[in-house]
Amino acid sequence: VKAWVRELREAAFQIEDVVDEYTLRIYNLVAQKHHPHHHGFVIVDFL
């Protein structure tokens, strides 16, 4: 039972890592998307 509990605890740590990574990376992408673009070139903004 202790080995099983240890395995579930490891899974919980993995879940926390994935959720944290998802939250951080999505936040960064949203910030990048909404950052104002003032390049003057439409093609650069599009790319």
All heavy atoms as atom14 arrays in JSON, in Angstrom:
{
  "sequence": "VKAWVRELREAAFQIEDVVDEYTLRIYNLVAQKHHPHHHGFVIVDFL",
  "atom14_mask": [
    [1, 1, 1, 1, 1, 1, 1, 0, 0, 0, 0, 0, 0, 0],
    [1, 1, 1, 1, 1, 1, 1, 1, 1, 0, 0, 0, 0, 0],
    [1, 1, 1, 1, 1, 0, 0, 0, 0, 0, 0, 0, 0, 0],
    [1, 1, 1, 1, 1, 1, 1, 1, 1, 1, 1, 1, 1, 1],
    [1, 1, 1, 1, 1, 1, 1, 0, 0, 0, 0, 0, 0, 0],
    [1, 1, 1, 1, 1, 1, 1, 1, 1, 1, 1, 0, 0, 0],
    [1, 1, 1, 1, 1, 1, 1, 1, 1, 0, 0, 0, 0, 0],
    [1, 1, 1, 1, 1, 1, 1, 1, 0, 0, 0, 0, 0, 0],
    [1, 1, 1, 1, 1, 1, 1, 1, 1, 1, 1, 0, 0, 0],
    [1, 1, 1, 1, 1, 1, 1, 1, 1, 0, 0, 0, 0, 0],
    [1, 1, 1, 1, 1, 0, 0, 0, 0, 0, 0, 0, 0, 0],
    [1, 1, 1, 1, 1, 0, 0, 0, 0, 0, 0, 0, 0, 0],
    [1, 1, 1, 1, 1, 1, 1, 1, 1, 1, 1, 0, 0, 0],
    [1, 1, 1, 1, 1, 1, 1, 1, 1, 0, 0, 0, 0, 0],
    [1, 1, 1, 1, 1, 1, 1, 1, 0, 0, 0, 0, 0, 0],
    [1, 1, 1, 1, 1, 1, 1, 1, 1, 0, 0, 0, 0, 0],
    [1, 1, 1, 1, 1, 1, 1, 1, 0, 0, 0, 0, 0, 0],
    [1, 1, 1, 1, 1, 1, 1, 0, 0, 0, 0, 0, 0, 0],
    [1, 1, 1, 1, 1, 1, 1, 0, 0, 0, 0, 0, 0, 0],
    [1, 1, 1, 1, 1, 1, 1, 1, 0, 0, 0, 0, 0, 0],
    [1, 1, 1, 1, 1, 1, 1, 1, 1, 0, 0, 0, 0, 0],
    [1, 1, 1, 1, 1, 1, 1, 1, 1, 1, 1, 1, 0, 0],
    [1, 1, 1, 1, 1, 1, 1, 0, 0, 0, 0, 0, 0, 0],
    [1, 1, 1, 1, 1, 1, 1, 1, 0, 0, 0, 0, 0, 0],
    [1, 1, 1, 1, 1, 1, 1, 1, 1, 1, 1, 0, 0, 0],
    [1, 1, 1, 1, 1, 1, 1, 1, 0, 0, 0, 0, 0, 0],
    [1, 1, 1, 1, 1, 1, 1, 1, 1, 1, 1, 1, 0, 0],
    [1, 1, 1, 1, 1, 1, 1, 1, 0, 0, 0, 0, 0, 0],
    [1, 1, 1, 1, 1, 1, 1, 1, 0, 0, 0, 0, 0, 0],
    [1, 1, 1, 1, 1, 1, 1, 0, 0, 0, 0, 0, 0, 0],
    [1, 1, 1, 1, 1, 0, 0, 0, 0, 0, 0, 0, 0, 0],
    [1, 1, 1, 1, 1, 1, 1, 1, 1, 0, 0, 0, 0, 0],
    [1, 1, 1, 1, 1, 1, 1, 1, 1, 0, 0, 0, 0, 0],
    [1, 1, 1, 1, 1, 1, 1, 1, 1, 1, 0, 0, 0, 0],
    [1, 1, 1, 1, 1, 1, 1, 1, 1, 1, 0, 0, 0, 0],
    [1, 1, 1, 1, 1, 1, 1, 0, 0, 0, 0, 0, 0, 0],
    [1, 1, 1, 1, 1, 1, 1, 1, 1, 1, 0, 0, 0, 0],
    [1, 1, 1, 1, 1, 1, 1, 1, 1, 1, 0, 0, 0, 0],
    [1, 1, 1, 1, 1, 1, 1, 1, 1, 1, 0, 0, 0, 0],
    [1, 1, 1, 1, 0, 0, 0, 0, 0, 0, 0, 0, 0, 0],
    [1, 1, 1, 1, 1, 1, 1, 1, 1, 1, 1, 0, 0, 0],
    [1, 1, 1, 1, 1, 1, 1, 0, 0, 0, 0, 0, 0, 0],
    [1, 1, 1, 1, 1, 1, 1, 1, 0, 0, 0, 0, 0, 0],
    [1, 1, 1, 1, 1, 1, 1, 0, 0, 0, 0, 0, 0, 0],
    [1, 1, 1, 1, 1, 1, 1, 1, 0, 0, 0, 0, 0, 0],
    [1, 1, 1, 1, 1, 1, 1, 1, 1, 1, 1, 0, 0, 0],
    [1, 1, 1, 1, 1, 1, 1, 1, 0, 0, 0, 0, 0, 0]
  ],
  "atom14_positions": [
    [[0.84, -1.2, 0.0], [0.0, 0.0, 0.0], [0.88, 1.25, 0.0], [0.6, 2.21, -0.71], [-0.96, 0.0, 1.21], [-1.71, 1.31, 1.3], [-1.94, -1.16, 1.12], [0.0, 0.0, 0.0], [0.0, 0.0, 0.0], [0.0, 0.0, 0.0], [0.0, 0.0, 0.0], [0.0, 0.0, 0.0], [0.0, 0.0, 0.0], [0.0, 0.0, 0.0]],
    [[1.97, 1.22, 0.76], [2.87, 2.36, 0.79], [3.5, 2.61, -0.57], [3.65, 3.76, -0.99], [3.95, 2.16, 1.85], [3.44, 2.34, 3.26], [4.57, 2.19, 4.25], [4.07, 2.4, 5.66], [5.14, 2.25, 6.64], [0.0, 0.0, 0.0], [0.0, 0.0, 0.0], [0.0, 0.0, 0.0], [0.0, 0.0, 0.0], [0.0, 0.0, 0.0]],
    [[3.85, 1.54, -1.28], [4.41, 1.69, -2.63], [3.36, 2.29, -3.56], [3.67, 3.16, -4.39], [4.88, 0.34, -3.17], [0.0, 0.0, 0.0], [0.0, 0.0, 0.0], [0.0, 0.0, 0.0], [0.0, 0.0, 0.0], [0.0, 0.0, 0.0], [0.0, 0.0, 0.0], [0.0, 0.0, 0.0], [0.0, 0.0, 0.0], [0.0, 0.0, 0.0]],
    [[2.14, 1.86, -3.41], [1.04, 2.39, -4.22], [0.82, 3.87, -3.92], [0.66, 4.69, -4.83], [-0.21, 1.55, -3.95], [-1.43, 1.96, -4.69], [-1.53, 2.33, -6.0], [-2.75, 2.02, -4.16], [-2.83, 2.61, -6.32], [-3.61, 2.43, -5.2], [-3.3, 1.78, -2.91], [-4.97, 2.6, -5.04], [-4.66, 1.93, -2.76], [-5.48, 2.34, -3.81]],
    [[0.83, 4.21, -2.66], [0.66, 5.61, -2.25], [1.81, 6.45, -2.79], [1.61, 7.57, -3.27], [0.54, 5.72, -0.71], [0.68, 7.15, -0.24], [-0.78, 5.13, -0.24], [0.0, 0.0, 0.0], [0.0, 0.0, 0.0], [0.0, 0.0, 0.0], [0.0, 0.0, 0.0], [0.0, 0.0, 0.0], [0.0, 0.0, 0.0], [0.0, 0.0, 0.0]],
    [[3.02, 5.93, -2.73], [4.19, 6.64, -3.25], [4.03, 6.89, -4.75], [4.35, 7.98, -5.25], [5.44, 5.79, -2.98], [6.7, 6.58, -2.84], [7.92, 5.77, -2.39], [7.9, 4.35, -2.59], [7.76, 3.44, -1.61], [7.63, 3.83, -0.36], [7.78, 2.15, -1.87], [0.0, 0.0, 0.0], [0.0, 0.0, 0.0], [0.0, 0.0, 0.0]],
    [[3.51, 5.91, -5.46], [3.27, 6.04, -6.9], [2.23, 7.13, -7.19], [2.4, 7.95, -8.1], [2.81, 4.69, -7.45], [2.76, 4.6, -8.93], [2.4, 3.19, -9.39], [2.76, 2.22, -8.7], [1.77, 3.08, -10.44], [0.0, 0.0, 0.0], [0.0, 0.0, 0.0], [0.0, 0.0, 0.0], [0.0, 0.0, 0.0], [0.0, 0.0, 0.0]],
    [[1.17, 7.15, -6.41], [0.15, 8.18, -6.59], [0.68, 9.57, -6.23], [0.32, 10.56, -6.87], [-1.09, 7.85, -5.76], [-1.97, 6.73, -6.31], [-3.12, 6.45, -5.35], [-2.51, 7.09, -7.68], [0.0, 0.0, 0.0], [0.0, 0.0, 0.0], [0.0, 0.0, 0.0], [0.0, 0.0, 0.0], [0.0, 0.0, 0.0], [0.0, 0.0, 0.0]],
    [[1.53, 9.62, -5.24], [2.12, 10.91, -4.85], [2.99, 11.44, -6.0], [2.97, 12.63, -6.32], [2.94, 10.76, -3.57], [3.46, 12.07, -3.04], [4.04, 11.94, -1.64], [2.95, 11.89, -0.68], [2.72, 10.9, 0.16], [3.51, 9.85, 0.18], [1.71, 10.95, 1.0], [0.0, 0.0, 0.0], [0.0, 0.0, 0.0], [0.0, 0.0, 0.0]],
    [[3.74, 10.56, -6.64], [4.55, 10.96, -7.79], [3.67, 11.45, -8.93], [3.99, 12.44, -9.59], [5.43, 9.78, -8.25], [6.33, 10.11, -9.41], [7.35, 11.19, -9.1], [7.83, 11.28, -7.96], [7.68, 11.96, -10.03], [0.0, 0.0, 0.0], [0.0, 0.0, 0.0], [0.0, 0.0, 0.0], [0.0, 0.0, 0.0], [0.0, 0.0, 0.0]],
    [[2.55, 10.78, -9.16], [1.61, 11.22, -10.19], [1.06, 12.61, -9.86], [0.89, 13.45, -10.75], [0.47, 10.22, -10.35], [0.0, 0.0, 0.0], [0.0, 0.0, 0.0], [0.0, 0.0, 0.0], [0.0, 0.0, 0.0], [0.0, 0.0, 0.0], [0.0, 0.0, 0.0], [0.0, 0.0, 0.0], [0.0, 0.0, 0.0], [0.0, 0.0, 0.0]],
    [[0.79, 12.86, -8.59], [0.29, 14.18, -8.18], [1.33, 15.26, -8.47], [0.99, 16.35, -8.94], [-0.07, 14.17, -6.69], [0.0, 0.0, 0.0], [0.0, 0.0, 0.0], [0.0, 0.0, 0.0], [0.0, 0.0, 0.0], [0.0, 0.0, 0.0], [0.0, 0.0, 0.0], [0.0, 0.0, 0.0], [0.0, 0.0, 0.0], [0.0, 0.0, 0.0]],
    [[2.6, 14.96, -8.21], [3.65, 15.93, -8.52], [3.72, 16.2, -10.02], [3.9, 17.35, -10.44], [5.01, 15.45, -8.01], [5.13, 15.41, -6.51], [5.9, 14.44, -5.89], [4.48, 16.34, -5.71], [6.02, 14.4, -4.51], [4.59, 16.31, -4.33], [5.37, 15.34, -3.73], [0.0, 0.0, 0.0], [0.0, 0.0, 0.0], [0.0, 0.0, 0.0]],
    [[3.58, 15.15, -10.82], [3.6, 15.32, -12.27], [2.43, 16.18, -12.73], [2.59, 17.03, -13.61], [3.56, 13.96, -12.97], [4.83, 13.17, -12.84], [4.71, 11.78, -13.45], [3.63, 11.35, -13.83], [5.82, 11.08, -13.53], [0.0, 0.0, 0.0], [0.0, 0.0, 0.0], [0.0, 0.0, 0.0], [0.0, 0.0, 0.0], [0.0, 0.0, 0.0]],
    [[1.27, 15.95, -12.15], [0.08, 16.75, -12.51], [0.32, 18.21, -12.17], [0.05, 19.1, -12.99], [-1.18, 16.22, -11.8], [-1.57, 14.85, -12.33], [-2.34, 17.2, -11.96], [-2.65, 14.16, -11.52], [0.0, 0.0, 0.0], [0.0, 0.0, 0.0], [0.0, 0.0, 0.0], [0.0, 0.0, 0.0], [0.0, 0.0, 0.0], [0.0, 0.0, 0.0]],
    [[0.86, 18.47, -10.99], [1.14, 19.86, -10.6], [2.11, 20.51, -11.58], [1.92, 21.67, -11.97], [1.72, 19.91, -9.18], [0.71, 19.62, -8.1], [1.34, 19.54, -6.72], [2.59, 19.47, -6.61], [0.57, 19.54, -5.75], [0.0, 0.0, 0.0], [0.0, 0.0, 0.0], [0.0, 0.0, 0.0], [0.0, 0.0, 0.0], [0.0, 0.0, 0.0]],
    [[3.14, 19.77, -11.98], [4.11, 20.31, -12.93], [3.47, 20.65, -14.27], [3.72, 21.71, -14.84], [5.26, 19.32, -13.14], [6.14, 19.16, -11.91], [6.04, 20.01, -11.0], [6.91, 18.17, -11.87], [0.0, 0.0, 0.0], [0.0, 0.0, 0.0], [0.0, 0.0, 0.0], [0.0, 0.0, 0.0], [0.0, 0.0, 0.0], [0.0, 0.0, 0.0]],
    [[2.62, 19.75, -14.77], [1.98, 19.98, -16.06], [1.04, 21.17, -15.99], [1.03, 22.02, -16.9], [1.22, 18.71, -16.53], [0.29, 19.0, -17.69], [2.21, 17.63, -16.92], [0.0, 0.0, 0.0], [0.0, 0.0, 0.0], [0.0, 0.0, 0.0], [0.0, 0.0, 0.0], [0.0, 0.0, 0.0], [0.0, 0.0, 0.0], [0.0, 0.0, 0.0]],
    [[0.25, 21.26, -14.94], [-0.69, 22.38, -14.81], [0.07, 23.7, -14.69], [-0.3, 24.7, -15.33], [-1.64, 22.16, -13.61], [-2.44, 23.41, -13.31], [-2.58, 20.99, -13.89], [0.0, 0.0, 0.0], [0.0, 0.0, 0.0], [0.0, 0.0, 0.0], [0.0, 0.0, 0.0], [0.0, 0.0, 0.0], [0.0, 0.0, 0.0], [0.0, 0.0, 0.0]],
    [[1.15, 23.71, -13.9], [1.95, 24.92, -13.77], [2.58, 25.32, -15.1], [2.57, 26.5, -15.48], [3.04, 24.74, -12.72], [2.5, 24.7, -11.31], [1.32, 25.08, -11.11], [3.24, 24.26, -10.4], [0.0, 0.0, 0.0], [0.0, 0.0, 0.0], [0.0, 0.0, 0.0], [0.0, 0.0, 0.0], [0.0, 0.0, 0.0], [0.0, 0.0, 0.0]],
    [[3.12, 24.34, -15.81], [3.73, 24.62, -17.11], [2.7, 25.16, -18.08], [2.94, 26.13, -18.8], [4.37, 23.35, -17.67], [4.99, 23.54, -19.04], [5.53, 22.24, -19.61], [5.5, 21.2, -18.94], [5.97, 22.28, -20.77], [0.0, 0.0, 0.0], [0.0, 0.0, 0.0], [0.0, 0.0, 0.0], [0.0, 0.0, 0.0], [0.0, 0.0, 0.0]],
    [[1.54, 24.54, -18.11], [0.46, 24.98, -19.0], [0.06, 26.42, -18.69], [-0.03, 27.26, -19.58], [-0.74, 24.05, -18.87], [-1.96, 24.5, -19.63], [-2.03, 24.32, -21.0], [-3.03, 25.09, -18.98], [-3.15, 24.74, -21.71], [-4.14, 25.5, -19.68], [-4.2, 25.32, -21.03], [-5.3, 25.74, -21.73], [0.0, 0.0, 0.0], [0.0, 0.0, 0.0]],
    [[-0.15, 26.7, -17.42], [-0.57, 28.05, -17.02], [0.48, 29.09, -17.39], [0.16, 30.13, -17.96], [-0.83, 28.07, -15.5], [-1.79, 27.07, -15.17], [-1.35, 29.43, -15.07], [0.0, 0.0, 0.0], [0.0, 0.0, 0.0], [0.0, 0.0, 0.0], [0.0, 0.0, 0.0], [0.0, 0.0, 0.0], [0.0, 0.0, 0.0], [0.0, 0.0, 0.0]],
    [[1.73, 28.8, -17.09], [2.81, 29.74, -17.38], [2.97, 29.97, -18.88], [3.05, 31.12, -19.34], [4.12, 29.23, -16.78], [5.35, 30.09, -17.05], [5.22, 31.42, -16.32], [6.61, 29.36, -16.64], [0.0, 0.0, 0.0], [0.0, 0.0, 0.0], [0.0, 0.0, 0.0], [0.0, 0.0, 0.0], [0.0, 0.0, 0.0], [0.0, 0.0, 0.0]],
    [[3.0, 28.9, -19.64], [3.25, 29.03, -21.08], [2.07, 29.67, -21.79], [2.27, 30.47, -22.71], [3.62, 27.68, -21.67], [5.02, 27.25, -21.18], [5.42, 25.9, -21.67], [5.62, 25.89, -23.1], [5.88, 24.78, -23.77], [5.98, 23.63, -23.13], [6.04, 24.82, -25.07], [0.0, 0.0, 0.0], [0.0, 0.0, 0.0], [0.0, 0.0, 0.0]],
    [[0.84, 29.33, -21.4], [-0.33, 29.97, -22.03], [-0.33, 31.46, -21.7], [-0.6, 32.3, -22.56], [-1.64, 29.3, -21.56], [-1.85, 27.98, -22.27], [-2.84, 30.21, -21.79], [-2.13, 28.09, -23.76], [0.0, 0.0, 0.0], [0.0, 0.0, 0.0], [0.0, 0.0, 0.0], [0.0, 0.0, 0.0], [0.0, 0.0, 0.0], [0.0, 0.0, 0.0]],
    [[-0.01, 31.81, -20.46], [0.04, 33.22, -20.07], [1.07, 33.97, -20.92], [0.8, 35.07, -21.4], [0.37, 33.34, -18.59], [0.54, 34.76, -18.13], [-0.57, 35.57, -17.91], [1.8, 35.31, -17.93], [-0.43, 36.89, -17.49], [1.95, 36.62, -17.51], [0.84, 37.4, -17.31], [0.99, 38.7, -16.9], [0.0, 0.0, 0.0], [0.0, 0.0, 0.0]],
    [[2.25, 33.36, -21.11], [3.29, 33.99, -21.92], [2.85, 34.16, -23.37], [3.12, 35.18, -24.0], [4.59, 33.21, -21.85], [5.28, 33.37, -20.51], [5.03, 34.32, -19.78], [6.15, 32.43, -20.18], [0.0, 0.0, 0.0], [0.0, 0.0, 0.0], [0.0, 0.0, 0.0], [0.0, 0.0, 0.0], [0.0, 0.0, 0.0], [0.0, 0.0, 0.0]],
    [[2.18, 33.14, -23.92], [1.71, 33.24, -25.3], [0.64, 34.32, -25.46], [0.65, 35.07, -26.44], [1.16, 31.9, -25.78], [2.21, 30.9, -26.24], [1.55, 29.57, -26.57], [2.97, 31.41, -27.44], [0.0, 0.0, 0.0], [0.0, 0.0, 0.0], [0.0, 0.0, 0.0], [0.0, 0.0, 0.0], [0.0, 0.0, 0.0], [0.0, 0.0, 0.0]],
    [[-0.26, 34.4, -24.51], [-1.3, 35.42, -24.56], [-0.67, 36.81, -24.48], [-1.06, 37.72, -25.21], [-2.35, 35.2, -23.44], [-3.25, 36.4, -23.3], [-3.15, 33.95, -23.72], [0.0, 0.0, 0.0], [0.0, 0.0, 0.0], [0.0, 0.0, 0.0], [0.0, 0.0, 0.0], [0.0, 0.0, 0.0], [0.0, 0.0, 0.0], [0.0, 0.0, 0.0]],
    [[0.33, 36.95, -23.62], [1.02, 38.23, -23.5], [1.74, 38.58, -24.8], [1.73, 39.74, -25.23], [2.01, 38.19, -22.35], [0.0, 0.0, 0.0], [0.0, 0.0, 0.0], [0.0, 0.0, 0.0], [0.0, 0.0, 0.0], [0.0, 0.0, 0.0], [0.0, 0.0, 0.0], [0.0, 0.0, 0.0], [0.0, 0.0, 0.0], [0.0, 0.0, 0.0]],
    [[2.32, 37.57, -25.45], [2.99, 37.81, -26.74], [1.99, 38.22, -27.81], [2.27, 39.11, -28.61], [3.71, 36.54, -27.21], [5.15, 36.49, -26.88], [5.8, 35.25, -27.48], [5.14, 34.38, -28.03], [7.1, 35.18, -27.38], [0.0, 0.0, 0.0], [0.0, 0.0, 0.0], [0.0, 0.0, 0.0], [0.0, 0.0, 0.0], [0.0, 0.0, 0.0]],
    [[0.84, 37.55, -27.83], [-0.17, 37.84, -28.85], [-0.69, 39.26, -28.74], [-0.9, 39.93, -29.73], [-1.36, 36.89, -28.7], [-1.24, 35.61, -29.41], [-2.56, 34.87, -29.26], [-2.5, 33.5, -29.82], [-3.77, 32.79, -29.65], [0.0, 0.0, 0.0], [0.0, 0.0, 0.0], [0.0, 0.0, 0.0], [0.0, 0.0, 0.0], [0.0, 0.0, 0.0]],
    [[-0.92, 39.7, -27.53], [-1.55, 41.0, -27.32], [-0.54, 42.14, -27.16], [-0.93, 43.25, -26.88], [-2.48, 40.94, -26.11], [-3.61, 39.98, -26.31], [-4.53, 40.14, -27.3], [-3.92, 38.83, -25.67], [-5.4, 39.14, -27.26], [-5.05, 38.33, -26.28], [0.0, 0.0, 0.0], [0.0, 0.0, 0.0], [0.0, 0.0, 0.0], [0.0, 0.0, 0.0]],
    [[0.72, 41.82, -27.31], [1.74, 42.87, -27.26], [1.59, 43.71, -28.53], [1.54, 43.18, -29.63], [3.13, 42.24, -27.2], [4.21, 43.22, -26.92], [4.7, 44.07, -27.87], [4.91, 43.48, -25.79], [5.65, 44.82, -27.34], [5.8, 44.47, -26.08], [0.0, 0.0, 0.0], [0.0, 0.0, 0.0], [0.0, 0.0, 0.0], [0.0, 0.0, 0.0]],
    [[1.51, 45.03, -28.39], [1.31, 45.86, -29.57], [2.47, 45.75, -30.55], [3.63, 45.73, -30.15], [1.2, 47.28, -28.99], [1.75, 47.2, -27.62], [1.65, 45.79, -27.16], [0.0, 0.0, 0.0], [0.0, 0.0, 0.0], [0.0, 0.0, 0.0], [0.0, 0.0, 0.0], [0.0, 0.0, 0.0], [0.0, 0.0, 0.0], [0.0, 0.0, 0.0]],
    [[2.13, 45.63, -31.81], [3.13, 45.52, -32.87], [3.2, 46.86, -33.6], [2.22, 47.33, -34.15], [2.73, 44.43, -33.87], [2.49, 43.1, -33.22], [3.48, 42.37, -32.63], [1.34, 42.39, -33.05], [2.98, 41.25, -32.14], [1.68, 41.24, -32.37], [0.0, 0.0, 0.0], [0.0, 0.0, 0.0], [0.0, 0.0, 0.0], [0.0, 0.0, 0.0]],
    [[4.37, 47.46, -33.62], [4.55, 48.74, -34.29], [5.71, 48.66, -35.27], [6.58, 49.52, -35.31], [4.8, 49.87, -33.28], [3.67, 50.08, -32.32], [2.44, 50.52, -32.73], [3.59, 49.88, -30.99], [1.63, 50.61, -31.68], [2.31, 50.22, -30.61], [0.0, 0.0, 0.0], [0.0, 0.0, 0.0], [0.0, 0.0, 0.0], [0.0, 0.0, 0.0]],
    [[5.72, 47.56, -36.02], [6.81, 47.4, -36.97], [6.6, 48.26, -38.21], [7.56, 48.63, -38.87], [6.95, 45.94, -37.39], [7.24, 45.02, -36.25], [8.42, 45.06, -35.55], [6.51, 44.04, -35.68], [8.41, 44.15, -34.6], [7.26, 43.51, -34.65], [0.0, 0.0, 0.0], [0.0, 0.0, 0.0], [0.0, 0.0, 0.0], [0.0, 0.0, 0.0]],
    [[5.36, 48.53, -38.52], [5.07, 49.27, -39.74], [4.95, 48.36, -40.95], [4.5, 48.8, -42.0], [0.0, 0.0, 0.0], [0.0, 0.0, 0.0], [0.0, 0.0, 0.0], [0.0, 0.0, 0.0], [0.0, 0.0, 0.0], [0.0, 0.0, 0.0], [0.0, 0.0, 0.0], [0.0, 0.0, 0.0], [0.0, 0.0, 0.0], [0.0, 0.0, 0.0]],
    [[5.36, 47.1, -40.8], [5.29, 46.16, -41.9], [4.19, 45.15, -41.59], [4.26, 44.44, -40.6], [6.61, 45.43, -42.11], [7.74, 46.33, -42.5], [8.72, 46.67, -41.58], [7.81, 46.85, -43.79], [9.76, 47.5, -41.93], [8.85, 47.68, -44.16], [9.82, 48.02, -43.22], [0.0, 0.0, 0.0], [0.0, 0.0, 0.0], [0.0, 0.0, 0.0]],
    [[3.21, 45.08, -42.44], [2.09, 44.16, -42.25], [2.57, 42.72, -42.31], [2.12, 41.88, -41.53], [0.99, 44.43, -43.31], [-0.12, 43.42, -43.21], [0.48, 45.84, -43.18], [0.0, 0.0, 0.0], [0.0, 0.0, 0.0], [0.0, 0.0, 0.0], [0.0, 0.0, 0.0], [0.0, 0.0, 0.0], [0.0, 0.0, 0.0], [0.0, 0.0, 0.0]],
    [[3.5, 42.44, -43.19], [3.98, 41.07, -43.34], [4.7, 40.59, -42.09], [4.58, 39.43, -41.7], [4.89, 40.94, -44.6], [5.15, 39.47, -44.94], [6.2, 41.64, -44.4], [4.03, 38.81, -45.61], [0.0, 0.0, 0.0], [0.0, 0.0, 0.0], [0.0, 0.0, 0.0], [0.0, 0.0, 0.0], [0.0, 0.0, 0.0], [0.0, 0.0, 0.0]],
    [[5.43, 41.44, -41.41], [6.13, 41.06, -40.17], [5.11, 40.74, -39.08], [5.25, 39.74, -38.36], [7.1, 42.18, -39.73], [7.71, 41.85, -38.37], [8.19, 42.38, -40.76], [0.0, 0.0, 0.0], [0.0, 0.0, 0.0], [0.0, 0.0, 0.0], [0.0, 0.0, 0.0], [0.0, 0.0, 0.0], [0.0, 0.0, 0.0], [0.0, 0.0, 0.0]],
    [[4.09, 41.57, -38.97], [3.03, 41.3, -37.98], [2.33, 39.99, -38.27], [2.04, 39.21, -37.37], [2.02, 42.44, -37.96], [2.59, 43.73, -37.37], [3.62, 43.63, -36.67], [2.01, 44.79, -37.62], [0.0, 0.0, 0.0], [0.0, 0.0, 0.0], [0.0, 0.0, 0.0], [0.0, 0.0, 0.0], [0.0, 0.0, 0.0], [0.0, 0.0, 0.0]],
    [[2.05, 39.75, -39.56], [1.39, 38.52, -39.97], [2.24, 37.3, -39.63], [1.75, 36.3, -39.09], [1.07, 38.57, -41.47], [0.43, 37.33, -41.99], [-0.88, 37.02, -41.66], [1.14, 36.46, -42.8], [-1.48, 35.88, -42.14], [0.55, 35.31, -43.28], [-0.77, 35.02, -42.95], [0.0, 0.0, 0.0], [0.0, 0.0, 0.0], [0.0, 0.0, 0.0]],
    [[3.54, 37.37, -39.93], [4.44, 36.25, -39.62], [4.56, 36.02, -38.12], [4.64, 34.88, -37.67], [5.81, 36.5, -40.25], [5.87, 36.43, -41.77], [7.26, 36.81, -42.27], [5.49, 35.04, -42.27], [0.0, 0.0, 0.0], [0.0, 0.0, 0.0], [0.0, 0.0, 0.0], [0.0, 0.0, 0.0], [0.0, 0.0, 0.0], [0.0, 0.0, 0.0]]
  ]
}
